[in-house]
Amino acid sequence: MSITGGIIIYVNLWMIIFFMVLPFGITNQIDSPDYQKGTDPGAPVESRMKKKILITTLIATVIFSLILVVDQLDLFNIRKILF
């Protein structure tokens, strides 16, 4: 795997995991006791973005490390399977 290919795989993996982690722990304003009129009822009270970015980075790094090990040890090679 080249450096460019590794970066592309990591960024794509990070974005997919980020969108999976994003909805966890969200409390809508309509569900909170401090609901103010004039705000969007579906907007989150507190987004906790730093925590979600950290969790996403940790998960993506672990999964990317597994992918890198599999690639470096040549445990899965699609060219050997197909041809």
Protein backbone atom coordinates (compact mmCIF):
# COMPACT_ATOMS: atom_id res chain seq x y z
CA MET A 1 0.00 0.00 0.00
CA SER A 2 1.40 3.37 -0.96
CA ILE A 3 1.32 6.41 1.31
CA THR A 4 -1.33 8.07 -0.83
CA GLY A 5 -3.48 4.94 -0.82
CA GLY A 6 -3.12 4.66 2.96
CA ILE A 7 -4.17 8.27 3.47
CA ILE A 8 -7.20 7.84 1.21
CA ILE A 9 -8.26 4.65 3.00
CA TYR A 10 -7.79 6.25 6.44
CA VAL A 11 -9.77 9.40 5.56
CA ASN A 12 -12.62 7.39 4.05
CA LEU A 13 -12.68 5.06 7.03
CA TRP A 14 -12.61 8.02 9.42
CA MET A 15 -15.54 9.74 7.69
CA ILE A 16 -17.67 6.58 7.66
CA ILE A 17 -17.03 5.94 11.35
CA PHE A 18 -17.62 9.62 12.20
CA PHE A 19 -21.08 9.56 10.63
CA MET A 20 -21.81 6.35 12.54
CA VAL A 21 -20.70 7.84 15.89
CA LEU A 22 -22.34 11.24 15.35
CA PRO A 23 -25.92 10.41 16.48
CA PHE A 24 -24.93 8.70 19.76
CA GLY A 25 -25.66 10.62 22.96
CA ILE A 26 -27.77 13.33 21.34
CA THR A 27 -30.55 14.98 23.33
CA ASN A 28 -32.90 17.15 21.30
CA GLN A 29 -33.91 20.57 22.58
CA ILE A 30 -37.58 19.59 22.62
CA ASP A 31 -36.75 16.74 25.03
CA SER A 32 -34.72 18.93 27.40
CA PRO A 33 -36.31 20.85 30.27
CA ASP A 34 -34.59 24.08 29.13
CA TYR A 35 -36.39 24.27 25.77
CA GLN A 36 -36.52 27.83 24.46
CA LYS A 37 -39.12 29.02 21.98
CA GLY A 38 -37.75 30.04 18.59
CA THR A 39 -35.05 27.38 18.39
CA ASP A 40 -35.14 24.28 16.25
CA PRO A 41 -36.68 21.49 18.35
CA GLY A 42 -34.51 18.88 16.68
CA ALA A 43 -31.23 20.68 17.37
CA PRO A 44 -28.96 18.98 19.90
CA VAL A 45 -28.58 20.51 23.35
CA GLU A 46 -24.90 19.59 23.54
CA SER A 47 -23.08 18.03 20.60
CA ARG A 48 -19.89 16.80 22.40
CA MET A 49 -17.93 17.04 19.13
CA LYS A 50 -14.46 16.77 20.72
CA LYS A 51 -15.39 13.47 22.36
CA LYS A 52 -16.91 12.12 19.14
CA ILE A 53 -13.87 13.15 17.09
CA LEU A 54 -11.57 11.44 19.61
CA ILE A 55 -13.65 8.24 19.61
CA THR A 56 -13.78 8.26 15.80
CA THR A 57 -10.01 8.72 15.55
CA LEU A 58 -9.34 5.87 17.96
CA ILE A 59 -11.70 3.45 16.20
CA ALA A 60 -10.43 4.43 12.73
CA THR A 61 -6.80 4.04 13.82
CA VAL A 62 -7.43 0.54 15.21
CA ILE A 63 -9.28 -0.61 12.09
CA PHE A 64 -6.70 0.99 9.78
CA SER A 65 -3.92 -0.72 11.73
CA LEU A 66 -5.61 -4.08 11.15
CA ILE A 67 -5.97 -3.32 7.45
CA LEU A 68 -2.32 -2.28 7.26
CA VAL A 69 -1.13 -5.46 9.00
CA VAL A 70 -3.23 -7.63 6.69
CA ASP A 71 -1.79 -5.78 3.69
CA GLN A 72 1.82 -5.91 4.87
CA LEU A 73 1.68 -9.61 5.76
CA ASP A 74 -0.10 -10.31 2.45
CA LEU A 75 -2.80 -12.32 4.23
CA PHE A 76 -5.46 -11.25 1.73
CA ASN A 77 -4.49 -10.66 -1.87
CA ILE A 78 -7.33 -10.35 -4.35
CA ARG A 79 -4.98 -10.94 -7.29
CA LYS A 80 -3.99 -14.36 -5.92
CA ILE A 81 -7.61 -15.33 -5.35
CA LEU A 82 -8.96 -14.33 -8.75
CA PHE A 83 -6.12 -15.38 -11.03
